[in-house]
Amino acid sequence: MNTHIGSDFDDFLAEQGLVEEVSCAALKRVIAWQVAQAMKAQHVSKKALAERMQTSRTVVDRVLDQNDTGMTLATLASAARALGQRVEVRLVADTADAG
């Protein structure tokens, strides 16, 4: 009998100890996509964004790298500010623990 029948993917990730890693990777993909979309909408190049952030293009490449989860909040805030946006971070209840 398969013990995983009826379980969901979140249960699998928890069993494997991968919840935080997968959540961080997904969040970084969303952030990188949002920054790229803002750059596209405003016609801002990587070079121009780096100049606005007063940093190197390498830092911008890291912001846009969907697989680089090591970006600091300061770097994210700088990129957002350079694009006329702001960062909003908040904690939310884990639905698995709620109830």
PDB file of N, CA and C in Angstrom:
ATOM      1  N   MET A   1       0.842  -1.185   0.000  1.00  0.00           N
ATOM      2  CA  MET A   1       0.000   0.000   0.000  1.00  0.00           C
ATOM      3  C   MET A   1       0.887   1.249   0.000  1.00  0.00           C
ATOM      4  N   ASN A   2       0.529   2.223  -0.809  1.00  0.00           N
ATOM      5  CA  ASN A   2       1.295   3.462  -0.918  1.00  0.00           C
ATOM      6  C   ASN A   2       0.870   4.415   0.192  1.00  0.00           C
ATOM      7  N   THR A   3       1.822   4.765   1.070  1.00  0.00           N
ATOM      8  CA  THR A   3       1.502   5.644   2.204  1.00  0.00           C
ATOM      9  C   THR A   3       1.311   7.095   1.782  1.00  0.00           C
ATOM     10  N   HIS A   4       1.690   7.434   0.545  1.00  0.00           N
ATOM     11  CA  HIS A   4       1.573   8.822   0.087  1.00  0.00           C
ATOM     12  C   HIS A   4       0.257   9.105  -0.621  1.00  0.00           C
ATOM     13  N   ILE A   5      -0.545   8.097  -0.856  1.00  0.00           N
ATOM     14  CA  ILE A   5      -1.847   8.329  -1.484  1.00  0.00           C
ATOM     15  C   ILE A   5      -2.703   9.136  -0.514  1.00  0.00           C
ATOM     16  N   GLY A   6      -3.247  10.213  -1.015  1.00  0.00           N
ATOM     17  CA  GLY A   6      -4.089  11.071  -0.190  1.00  0.00           C
ATOM     18  C   GLY A   6      -3.338  12.213   0.460  1.00  0.00           C
ATOM     19  N   SER A   7      -2.015  12.135   0.489  1.00  0.00           N
ATOM     20  CA  SER A   7      -1.261  13.254   1.047  1.00  0.00           C
ATOM     21  C   SER A   7      -1.080  14.303  -0.038  1.00  0.00           C
ATOM     22  N   ASP A   8      -0.753  15.514   0.360  1.00  0.00           N
ATOM     23  CA  ASP A   8      -0.545  16.547  -0.646  1.00  0.00           C
ATOM     24  C   ASP A   8       0.940  16.896  -0.749  1.00  0.00           C
ATOM     25  N   PHE A   9       1.240  17.749  -1.688  1.00  0.00           N
ATOM     26  CA  PHE A   9       2.627  18.097  -1.967  1.00  0.00           C
ATOM     27  C   PHE A   9       3.271  18.788  -0.775  1.00  0.00           C
ATOM     28  N   ASP A  10       2.506  19.625  -0.056  1.00  0.00           N
ATOM     29  CA  ASP A  10       3.035  20.294   1.131  1.00  0.00           C
ATOM     30  C   ASP A  10       3.466  19.282   2.184  1.00  0.00           C
ATOM     31  N   ASP A  11       2.671  18.212   2.347  1.00  0.00           N
ATOM     32  CA  ASP A  11       3.041  17.151   3.286  1.00  0.00           C
ATOM     33  C   ASP A  11       4.347  16.492   2.862  1.00  0.00           C
ATOM     34  N   PHE A  12       4.478  16.243   1.561  1.00  0.00           N
ATOM     35  CA  PHE A  12       5.700  15.636   1.035  1.00  0.00           C
ATOM     36  C   PHE A  12       6.907  16.527   1.318  1.00  0.00           C
ATOM     37  N   LEU A  13       6.774  17.837   1.031  1.00  0.00           N
ATOM     38  CA  LEU A  13       7.883  18.757   1.276  1.00  0.00           C
ATOM     39  C   LEU A  13       8.253  18.793   2.753  1.00  0.00           C
ATOM     40  N   ALA A  14       7.252  18.775   3.616  1.00  0.00           N
ATOM     41  CA  ALA A  14       7.506  18.780   5.057  1.00  0.00           C
ATOM     42  C   ALA A  14       8.245  17.511   5.477  1.00  0.00           C
ATOM     43  N   GLU A  15       7.818  16.375   4.960  1.00  0.00           N
ATOM     44  CA  GLU A  15       8.475  15.105   5.283  1.00  0.00           C
ATOM     45  C   GLU A  15       9.930  15.101   4.839  1.00  0.00           C
ATOM     46  N   GLN A  16      10.210  15.760   3.728  1.00  0.00           N
ATOM     47  CA  GLN A  16      11.563  15.797   3.187  1.00  0.00           C
ATOM     48  C   GLN A  16      12.397  16.944   3.765  1.00  0.00           C
ATOM     49  N   GLY A  17      11.778  17.797   4.585  1.00  0.00           N
ATOM     50  CA  GLY A  17      12.471  18.935   5.168  1.00  0.00           C
ATOM     51  C   GLY A  17      12.796  20.020   4.151  1.00  0.00           C
ATOM     52  N   LEU A  18      11.940  20.177   3.147  1.00  0.00           N
ATOM     53  CA  LEU A  18      12.211  21.103   2.050  1.00  0.00           C
ATOM     54  C   LEU A  18      11.268  22.297   1.987  1.00  0.00           C
ATOM     55  N   VAL A  19      10.394  22.464   2.959  1.00  0.00           N
ATOM     56  CA  VAL A  19       9.379  23.512   2.888  1.00  0.00           C
ATOM     57  C   VAL A  19      10.006  24.896   2.750  1.00  0.00           C
ATOM     58  N   GLU A  20      10.946  25.229   3.627  1.00  0.00           N
ATOM     59  CA  GLU A  20      11.546  26.570   3.592  1.00  0.00           C
ATOM     60  C   GLU A  20      12.324  26.796   2.303  1.00  0.00           C
ATOM     61  N   GLU A  21      13.079  25.790   1.888  1.00  0.00           N
ATOM     62  CA  GLU A  21      13.886  25.922   0.669  1.00  0.00           C
ATOM     63  C   GLU A  21      13.005  26.168  -0.551  1.00  0.00           C
ATOM     64  N   VAL A  22      11.939  25.419  -0.678  1.00  0.00           N
ATOM     65  CA  VAL A  22      11.035  25.565  -1.815  1.00  0.00           C
ATOM     66  C   VAL A  22      10.283  26.898  -1.735  1.00  0.00           C
ATOM     67  N   SER A  23       9.883  27.294  -0.542  1.00  0.00           N
ATOM     68  CA  SER A  23       9.186  28.568  -0.374  1.00  0.00           C
ATOM     69  C   SER A  23      10.087  29.739  -0.747  1.00  0.00           C
ATOM     70  N   CYS A  24      11.340  29.686  -0.331  1.00  0.00           N
ATOM     71  CA  CYS A  24      12.292  30.752  -0.670  1.00  0.00           C
ATOM     72  C   CYS A  24      12.528  30.821  -2.172  1.00  0.00           C
ATOM     73  N   ALA A  25      12.671  29.665  -2.793  1.00  0.00           N
ATOM     74  CA  ALA A  25      12.902  29.629  -4.237  1.00  0.00           C
ATOM     75  C   ALA A  25      11.698  30.202  -4.988  1.00  0.00           C
ATOM     76  N   ALA A  26      10.496  29.842  -4.556  1.00  0.00           N
ATOM     77  CA  ALA A  26       9.292  30.348  -5.209  1.00  0.00           C
ATOM     78  C   ALA A  26       9.164  31.856  -5.012  1.00  0.00           C
ATOM     79  N   LEU A  27       9.451  32.320  -3.803  1.00  0.00           N
ATOM     80  CA  LEU A  27       9.367  33.747  -3.520  1.00  0.00           C
ATOM     81  C   LEU A  27      10.375  34.523  -4.360  1.00  0.00           C
ATOM     82  N   LYS A  28      11.578  34.012  -4.495  1.00  0.00           N
ATOM     83  CA  LYS A  28      12.601  34.695  -5.289  1.00  0.00           C
ATOM     84  C   LYS A  28      12.192  34.752  -6.748  1.00  0.00           C
ATOM     85  N   ARG A  29      11.578  33.695  -7.258  1.00  0.00           N
ATOM     86  CA  ARG A  29      11.111  33.719  -8.646  1.00  0.00           C
ATOM     87  C   ARG A  29      10.080  34.821  -8.851  1.00  0.00           C
ATOM     88  N   VAL A  30       9.178  34.963  -7.912  1.00  0.00           N
ATOM     89  CA  VAL A  30       8.146  35.997  -8.003  1.00  0.00           C
ATOM     90  C   VAL A  30       8.783  37.381  -7.950  1.00  0.00           C
ATOM     91  N   ILE A  31       9.711  37.585  -7.019  1.00  0.00           N
ATOM     92  CA  ILE A  31      10.365  38.892  -6.887  1.00  0.00           C
ATOM     93  C   ILE A  31      11.135  39.238  -8.156  1.00  0.00           C
ATOM     94  N   ALA A  32      11.916  38.286  -8.661  1.00  0.00           N
ATOM     95  CA  ALA A  32      12.691  38.532  -9.882  1.00  0.00           C
ATOM     96  C   ALA A  32      11.758  38.876 -11.039  1.00  0.00           C
ATOM     97  N   TRP A  33      10.645  38.173 -11.135  1.00  0.00           N
ATOM     98  CA  TRP A  33       9.671  38.432 -12.203  1.00  0.00           C
ATOM     99  C   TRP A  33       9.073  39.826 -12.050  1.00  0.00           C
ATOM    100  N   GLN A  34       8.722  40.216 -10.825  1.00  0.00           N
ATOM    101  CA  GLN A  34       8.135  41.530 -10.597  1.00  0.00           C
ATOM    102  C   GLN A  34       9.113  42.653 -10.941  1.00  0.00           C
ATOM    103  N   VAL A  35      10.377  42.488 -10.567  1.00  0.00           N
ATOM    104  CA  VAL A  35      11.378  43.496 -10.899  1.00  0.00           C
ATOM    105  C   VAL A  35      11.544  43.582 -12.411  1.00  0.00           C
ATOM    106  N   ALA A  36      11.626  42.433 -13.066  1.00  0.00           N
ATOM    107  CA  ALA A  36      11.775  42.406 -14.530  1.00  0.00           C
ATOM    108  C   ALA A  36      10.578  43.062 -15.214  1.00  0.00           C
ATOM    109  N   GLN A  37       9.378  42.813 -14.704  1.00  0.00           N
ATOM    110  CA  GLN A  37       8.176  43.423 -15.289  1.00  0.00           C
ATOM    111  C   GLN A  37       8.177  44.935 -15.106  1.00  0.00           C
ATOM    112  N   ALA A  38       8.594  45.404 -13.928  1.00  0.00           N
ATOM    113  CA  ALA A  38       8.665  46.846 -13.689  1.00  0.00           C
ATOM    114  C   ALA A  38       9.703  47.482 -14.607  1.00  0.00           C
ATOM    115  N   MET A  39      10.836  46.812 -14.777  1.00  0.00           N
ATOM    116  CA  MET A  39      11.866  47.329 -15.680  1.00  0.00           C
ATOM    117  C   MET A  39      11.333  47.415 -17.112  1.00  0.00           C
ATOM    118  N   LYS A  40      10.635  46.367 -17.534  1.00  0.00           N
ATOM    119  CA  LYS A  40      10.081  46.331 -18.893  1.00  0.00           C
ATOM    120  C   LYS A  40       9.048  47.442 -19.087  1.00  0.00           C
ATOM    121  N   ALA A  41       8.153  47.604 -18.114  1.00  0.00           N
ATOM    122  CA  ALA A  41       7.096  48.620 -18.213  1.00  0.00           C
ATOM    123  C   ALA A  41       7.673  50.028 -18.271  1.00  0.00           C
ATOM    124  N   GLN A  42       8.783  50.239 -17.580  1.00  0.00           N
ATOM    125  CA  GLN A  42       9.396  51.562 -17.520  1.00  0.00           C
ATOM    126  C   GLN A  42      10.534  51.730 -18.532  1.00  0.00           C
ATOM    127  N   HIS A  43      10.774  50.688 -19.323  1.00  0.00           N
ATOM    128  CA  HIS A  43      11.857  50.709 -20.314  1.00  0.00           C
ATOM    129  C   HIS A  43      13.203  51.020 -19.657  1.00  0.00           C
ATOM    130  N   VAL A  44      13.481  50.319 -18.568  1.00  0.00           N
ATOM    131  CA  VAL A  44      14.725  50.510 -17.820  1.00  0.00           C
ATOM    132  C   VAL A  44      15.637  49.321 -18.096  1.00  0.00           C
ATOM    133  N   SER A  45      16.840  49.598 -18.542  1.00  0.00           N
ATOM    134  CA  SER A  45      17.824  48.546 -18.795  1.00  0.00           C
ATOM    135  C   SER A  45      18.504  48.135 -17.490  1.00  0.00           C
ATOM    136  N   LYS A  46      19.223  47.018 -17.542  1.00  0.00           N
ATOM    137  CA  LYS A  46      19.986  46.588 -16.374  1.00  0.00           C
ATOM    138  C   LYS A  46      21.011  47.649 -15.988  1.00  0.00           C
ATOM    139  N   LYS A  47      21.654  48.212 -16.985  1.00  0.00           N
ATOM    140  CA  LYS A  47      22.659  49.249 -16.723  1.00  0.00           C
ATOM    141  C   LYS A  47      22.024  50.456 -16.047  1.00  0.00           C
ATOM    142  N   ALA A  48      20.871  50.881 -16.550  1.00  0.00           N
ATOM    143  CA  ALA A  48      20.188  52.039 -15.973  1.00  0.00           C
ATOM    144  C   ALA A  48      19.728  51.754 -14.549  1.00  0.00           C
ATOM    145  N   LEU A  49      19.225  50.539 -14.309  1.00  0.00           N
ATOM    146  CA  LEU A  49      18.794  50.192 -12.958  1.00  0.00           C
ATOM    147  C   LEU A  49      19.989  50.188 -12.009  1.00  0.00           C
ATOM    148  N   ALA A  50      21.106  49.647 -12.459  1.00  0.00           N
ATOM    149  CA  ALA A  50      22.319  49.641 -11.630  1.00  0.00           C
ATOM    150  C   ALA A  50      22.734  51.069 -11.286  1.00  0.00           C
ATOM    151  N   GLU A  51      22.657  51.965 -12.249  1.00  0.00           N
ATOM    152  CA  GLU A  51      23.010  53.370 -11.991  1.00  0.00           C
ATOM    153  C   GLU A  51      22.046  53.994 -10.982  1.00  0.00           C
ATOM    154  N   ARG A  52      20.767  53.714 -11.134  1.00  0.00           N
ATOM    155  CA  ARG A  52      19.775  54.254 -10.193  1.00  0.00           C
ATOM    156  C   ARG A  52      20.004  53.709  -8.777  1.00  0.00           C
ATOM    157  N   MET A  53      20.427  52.450  -8.701  1.00  0.00           N
ATOM    158  CA  MET A  53      20.672  51.811  -7.412  1.00  0.00           C
ATOM    159  C   MET A  53      22.055  52.172  -6.858  1.00  0.00           C
ATOM    160  N   GLN A  54      22.853  52.834  -7.673  1.00  0.00           N
ATOM    161  CA  GLN A  54      24.244  53.160  -7.330  1.00  0.00           C
ATOM    162  C   GLN A  54      25.024  51.900  -6.972  1.00  0.00           C
ATOM    163  N   THR A  55      24.924  50.921  -7.861  1.00  0.00           N
ATOM    164  CA  THR A  55      25.599  49.642  -7.671  1.00  0.00           C
ATOM    165  C   THR A  55      26.070  49.116  -9.015  1.00  0.00           C
ATOM    166  N   SER A  56      26.529  47.909  -9.045  1.00  0.00           N
ATOM    167  CA  SER A  56      27.021  47.313 -10.284  1.00  0.00           C
ATOM    168  C   SER A  56      25.916  46.540 -11.003  1.00  0.00           C
ATOM    169  N   ARG A  57      26.153  46.291 -12.268  1.00  0.00           N
ATOM    170  CA  ARG A  57      25.207  45.492 -13.040  1.00  0.00           C
ATOM    171  C   ARG A  57      25.164  44.054 -12.511  1.00  0.00           C
ATOM    172  N   THR A  58      26.257  43.602 -11.917  1.00  0.00           N
ATOM    173  CA  THR A  58      26.288  42.255 -11.339  1.00  0.00           C
ATOM    174  C   THR A  58      25.234  42.116 -10.244  1.00  0.00           C
ATOM    175  N   VAL A  59      25.063  43.155  -9.445  1.00  0.00           N
ATOM    176  CA  VAL A  59      24.043  43.121  -8.391  1.00  0.00           C
ATOM    177  C   VAL A  59      22.659  43.046  -9.018  1.00  0.00           C
ATOM    178  N   VAL A  60      22.428  43.792 -10.082  1.00  0.00           N
ATOM    179  CA  VAL A  60      21.136  43.740 -10.775  1.00  0.00           C
ATOM    180  C   VAL A  60      20.918  42.341 -11.344  1.00  0.00           C
ATOM    181  N   ASP A  61      21.957  41.750 -11.908  1.00  0.00           N
ATOM    182  CA  ASP A  61      21.838  40.379 -12.418  1.00  0.00           C
ATOM    183  C   ASP A  61      21.417  39.418 -11.310  1.00  0.00           C
ATOM    184  N   ARG A  62      21.952  39.606 -10.105  1.00  0.00           N
ATOM    185  CA  ARG A  62      21.575  38.744  -8.974  1.00  0.00           C
ATOM    186  C   ARG A  62      20.123  38.967  -8.561  1.00  0.00           C
ATOM    187  N   VAL A  63      19.669  40.209  -8.615  1.00  0.00           N
ATOM    188  CA  VAL A  63      18.270  40.508  -8.301  1.00  0.00           C
ATOM    189  C   VAL A  63      17.354  39.793  -9.292  1.00  0.00           C
ATOM    190  N   LEU A  64      17.751  39.775 -10.549  1.00  0.00           N
ATOM    191  CA  LEU A  64      16.926  39.175 -11.603  1.00  0.00           C
ATOM    192  C   LEU A  64      17.120  37.665 -11.747  1.00  0.00           C
ATOM    193  N   ASP A  65      18.122  37.105 -11.074  1.00  0.00           N
ATOM    194  CA  ASP A  65      18.384  35.673 -11.138  1.00  0.00           C
ATOM    195  C   ASP A  65      17.374  34.934 -10.268  1.00  0.00           C
ATOM    196  N   GLN A  66      16.481  34.212 -10.905  1.00  0.00           N
ATOM    197  CA  GLN A  66      15.417  33.514 -10.183  1.00  0.00           C
ATOM    198  C   GLN A  66      15.938  32.440  -9.233  1.00  0.00           C
ATOM    199  N   ASN A  67      17.146  31.984  -9.443  1.00  0.00           N
ATOM    200  CA  ASN A  67      17.691  30.909  -8.619  1.00  0.00           C
ATOM    201  C   ASN A  67      18.601  31.401  -7.502  1.00  0.00           C
ATOM    202  N   ASP A  68      18.877  32.689  -7.452  1.00  0.00           N
ATOM    203  CA  ASP A  68      19.742  33.249  -6.420  1.00  0.00           C
ATOM    204  C   ASP A  68      18.874  33.724  -5.262  1.00  0.00           C
ATOM    205  N   THR A  69      18.781  32.909  -4.223  1.00  0.00           N
ATOM    206  CA  THR A  69      17.917  33.243  -3.087  1.00  0.00           C
ATOM    207  C   THR A  69      18.655  34.026  -2.011  1.00  0.00           C
ATOM    208  N   GLY A  70      19.892  34.439  -2.284  1.00  0.00           N
ATOM    209  CA  GLY A  70      20.694  35.125  -1.286  1.00  0.00           C
ATOM    210  C   GLY A  70      20.582  36.636  -1.297  1.00  0.00           C
ATOM    211  N   MET A  71      19.629  37.183  -2.011  1.00  0.00           N
ATOM    212  CA  MET A  71      19.478  38.633  -2.082  1.00  0.00           C
ATOM    213  C   MET A  71      19.047  39.189  -0.720  1.00  0.00           C
ATOM    214  N   THR A  72      19.643  40.300  -0.336  1.00  0.00           N
ATOM    215  CA  THR A  72      19.278  40.917   0.941  1.00  0.00           C
ATOM    216  C   THR A  72      18.041  41.795   0.774  1.00  0.00           C
ATOM    217  N   LEU A  73      17.389  42.072   1.885  1.00  0.00           N
ATOM    218  CA  LEU A  73      16.242  42.988   1.852  1.00  0.00           C
ATOM    219  C   LEU A  73      16.693  44.386   1.456  1.00  0.00           C
ATOM    220  N   ALA A  74      17.900  44.773   1.841  1.00  0.00           N
ATOM    221  CA  ALA A  74      18.413  46.091   1.475  1.00  0.00           C
ATOM    222  C   ALA A  74      18.557  46.208  -0.041  1.00  0.00           C
ATOM    223  N   THR A  75      19.051  45.160  -0.682  1.00  0.00           N
ATOM    224  CA  THR A  75      19.194  45.170  -2.141  1.00  0.00           C
ATOM    225  C   THR A  75      17.830  45.213  -2.805  1.00  0.00           C
ATOM    226  N   LEU A  76      16.899  44.436  -2.298  1.00  0.00           N
ATOM    227  CA  LEU A  76      15.543  44.433  -2.849  1.00  0.00           C
ATOM    228  C   LEU A  76      14.900  45.808  -2.680  1.00  0.00           C
ATOM    229  N   ALA A  77      15.062  46.410  -1.525  1.00  0.00           N
ATOM    230  CA  ALA A  77      14.494  47.740  -1.287  1.00  0.00           C
ATOM    231  C   ALA A  77      15.122  48.774  -2.216  1.00  0.00           C
ATOM    232  N   SER A  78      16.413  48.655  -2.450  1.00  0.00           N
ATOM    233  CA  SER A  78      17.101  49.579  -3.350  1.00  0.00           C
ATOM    234  C   SER A  78      16.582  49.441  -4.777  1.00  0.00           C
ATOM    235  N   ALA A  79      16.395  48.203  -5.230  1.00  0.00           N
ATOM    236  CA  ALA A  79      15.861  47.968  -6.578  1.00  0.00           C
ATOM    237  C   ALA A  79      14.442  48.506  -6.689  1.00  0.00           C
ATOM    238  N   ALA A  80      13.627  48.252  -5.690  1.00  0.00           N
ATOM    239  CA  ALA A  80      12.245  48.739  -5.701  1.00  0.00           C
ATOM    240  C   ALA A  80      12.210  50.259  -5.744  1.00  0.00           C
ATOM    241  N   ARG A  81      13.002  50.891  -4.907  1.00  0.00           N
ATOM    242  CA  ARG A  81      13.060  52.356  -4.855  1.00  0.00           C
ATOM    243  C   ARG A  81      13.504  52.929  -6.201  1.00  0.00           C
ATOM    244  N   ALA A  82      14.473  52.276  -6.818  1.00  0.00           N
ATOM    245  CA  ALA A  82      14.983  52.732  -8.117  1.00  0.00           C
ATOM    246  C   ALA A  82      13.925  52.618  -9.208  1.00  0.00           C
ATOM    247  N   LEU A  83      12.915  51.786  -8.970  1.00  0.00           N
ATOM    248  CA  LEU A  83      11.824  51.612  -9.931  1.00  0.00           C
ATOM    249  C   LEU A  83      10.547  52.322  -9.474  1.00  0.00           C
ATOM    250  N   GLY A  84      10.674  53.181  -8.460  1.00  0.00           N
ATOM    251  CA  GLY A  84       9.514  53.930  -7.977  1.00  0.00           C
ATOM    252  C   GLY A  84       8.522  53.068  -7.235  1.00  0.00           C
ATOM    253  N   GLN A  85       9.008  52.016  -6.602  1.00  0.00           N
ATOM    254  CA  GLN A  85       8.143  51.095  -5.870  1.00  0.00           C
ATOM    255  C   GLN A  85       8.668  50.960  -4.449  1.00  0.00           C
ATOM    256  N   ARG A  86       7.973  50.201  -3.640  1.00  0.00           N
ATOM    257  CA  ARG A  86       8.427  49.909  -2.287  1.00  0.00           C
ATOM    258  C   ARG A  86       8.211  48.427  -2.008  1.00  0.00           C
ATOM    259  N   VAL A  87       8.928  47.938  -1.044  1.00  0.00           N
ATOM    260  CA  VAL A  87       8.823  46.533  -0.649  1.00  0.00           C
ATOM    261  C   VAL A  87       7.898  46.442   0.544  1.00  0.00           C
ATOM    262  N   GLU A  88       7.048  45.441   0.520  1.00  0.00           N
ATOM    263  CA  GLU A  88       6.161  45.182   1.650  1.00  0.00           C
ATOM    264  C   GLU A  88       6.393  43.743   2.089  1.00  0.00           C
ATOM    265  N   VAL A  89       6.839  43.573   3.336  1.00  0.00           N
ATOM    266  CA  VAL A  89       7.101  42.243   3.883  1.00  0.00           C
ATOM    267  C   VAL A  89       6.203  42.065   5.085  1.00  0.00           C
ATOM    268  N   ARG A  90       5.577  40.912   5.179  1.00  0.00           N
ATOM    269  CA  ARG A  90       4.721  40.663   6.337  1.00  0.00           C
ATOM    270  C   ARG A  90       4.700  39.182   6.646  1.00  0.00           C
ATOM    271  N   LEU A  91       4.417  38.858   7.867  1.00  0.00           N
ATOM    272  CA  LEU A  91       4.266  37.472   8.295  1.00  0.00           C
ATOM    273  C   LEU A  91       2.790  37.118   8.224  1.00  0.00           C
ATOM    274  N   VAL A  92       2.521  35.921   7.765  1.00  0.00           N
ATOM    275  CA  VAL A  92       1.148  35.436   7.709  1.00  0.00           C
ATOM    276  C   VAL A  92       1.086  34.065   8.388  1.00  0.00           C
ATOM    277  N   ALA A  93      -0.064  33.751   8.923  1.00  0.00           N
ATOM    278  CA  ALA A  93      -0.234  32.470   9.602  1.00  0.00           C
ATOM    279  C   ALA A  93      -0.056  31.327   8.607  1.00  0.00           C
ATOM    280  N   ASP A  94       0.623  30.307   9.041  1.00  0.00           N
ATOM    281  CA  ASP A  94       0.783  29.110   8.229  1.00  0.00           C
ATOM    282  C   ASP A  94      -0.536  28.353   8.285  1.00  0.00           C
ATOM    283  N   THR A  95      -1.141  28.151   7.146  1.00  0.00           N
ATOM    284  CA  THR A  95      -2.460  27.511   7.111  1.00  0.00           C
ATOM    285  C   THR A  95      -2.420  26.090   7.678  1.00  0.00           C
ATOM    286  N   ALA A  96      -1.268  25.437   7.627  1.00  0.00           N
ATOM    287  CA  ALA A  96      -1.148  24.094   8.177  1.00  0.00           C
ATOM    288  C   ALA A  96      -1.191  24.122   9.701  1.00  0.00           C
ATOM    289  N   ASP A  97      -0.725  25.245  10.304  1.00  0.00           N
ATOM    290  CA  ASP A  97      -0.694  25.360  11.753  1.00  0.00           C
ATOM    291  C   ASP A  97      -1.946  26.046  12.307  1.00  0.00           C
ATOM    292  N   ALA A  98      -2.668  26.747  11.439  1.00  0.00           N
ATOM    293  CA  ALA A  98      -3.857  27.471  11.889  1.00  0.00           C
ATOM    294  C   ALA A  98      -4.986  26.486  12.142  1.00  0.00           C
ATOM    295  N   GLY A  99      -5.682  26.688  13.206  1.00  0.00           N
ATOM    296  CA  GLY A  99      -6.861  25.866  13.464  1.00  0.00           C
ATOM    297  C   GLY A  99      -6.574  24.831  14.395  1.00  0.00           C
TER     298      GLY A  99
END
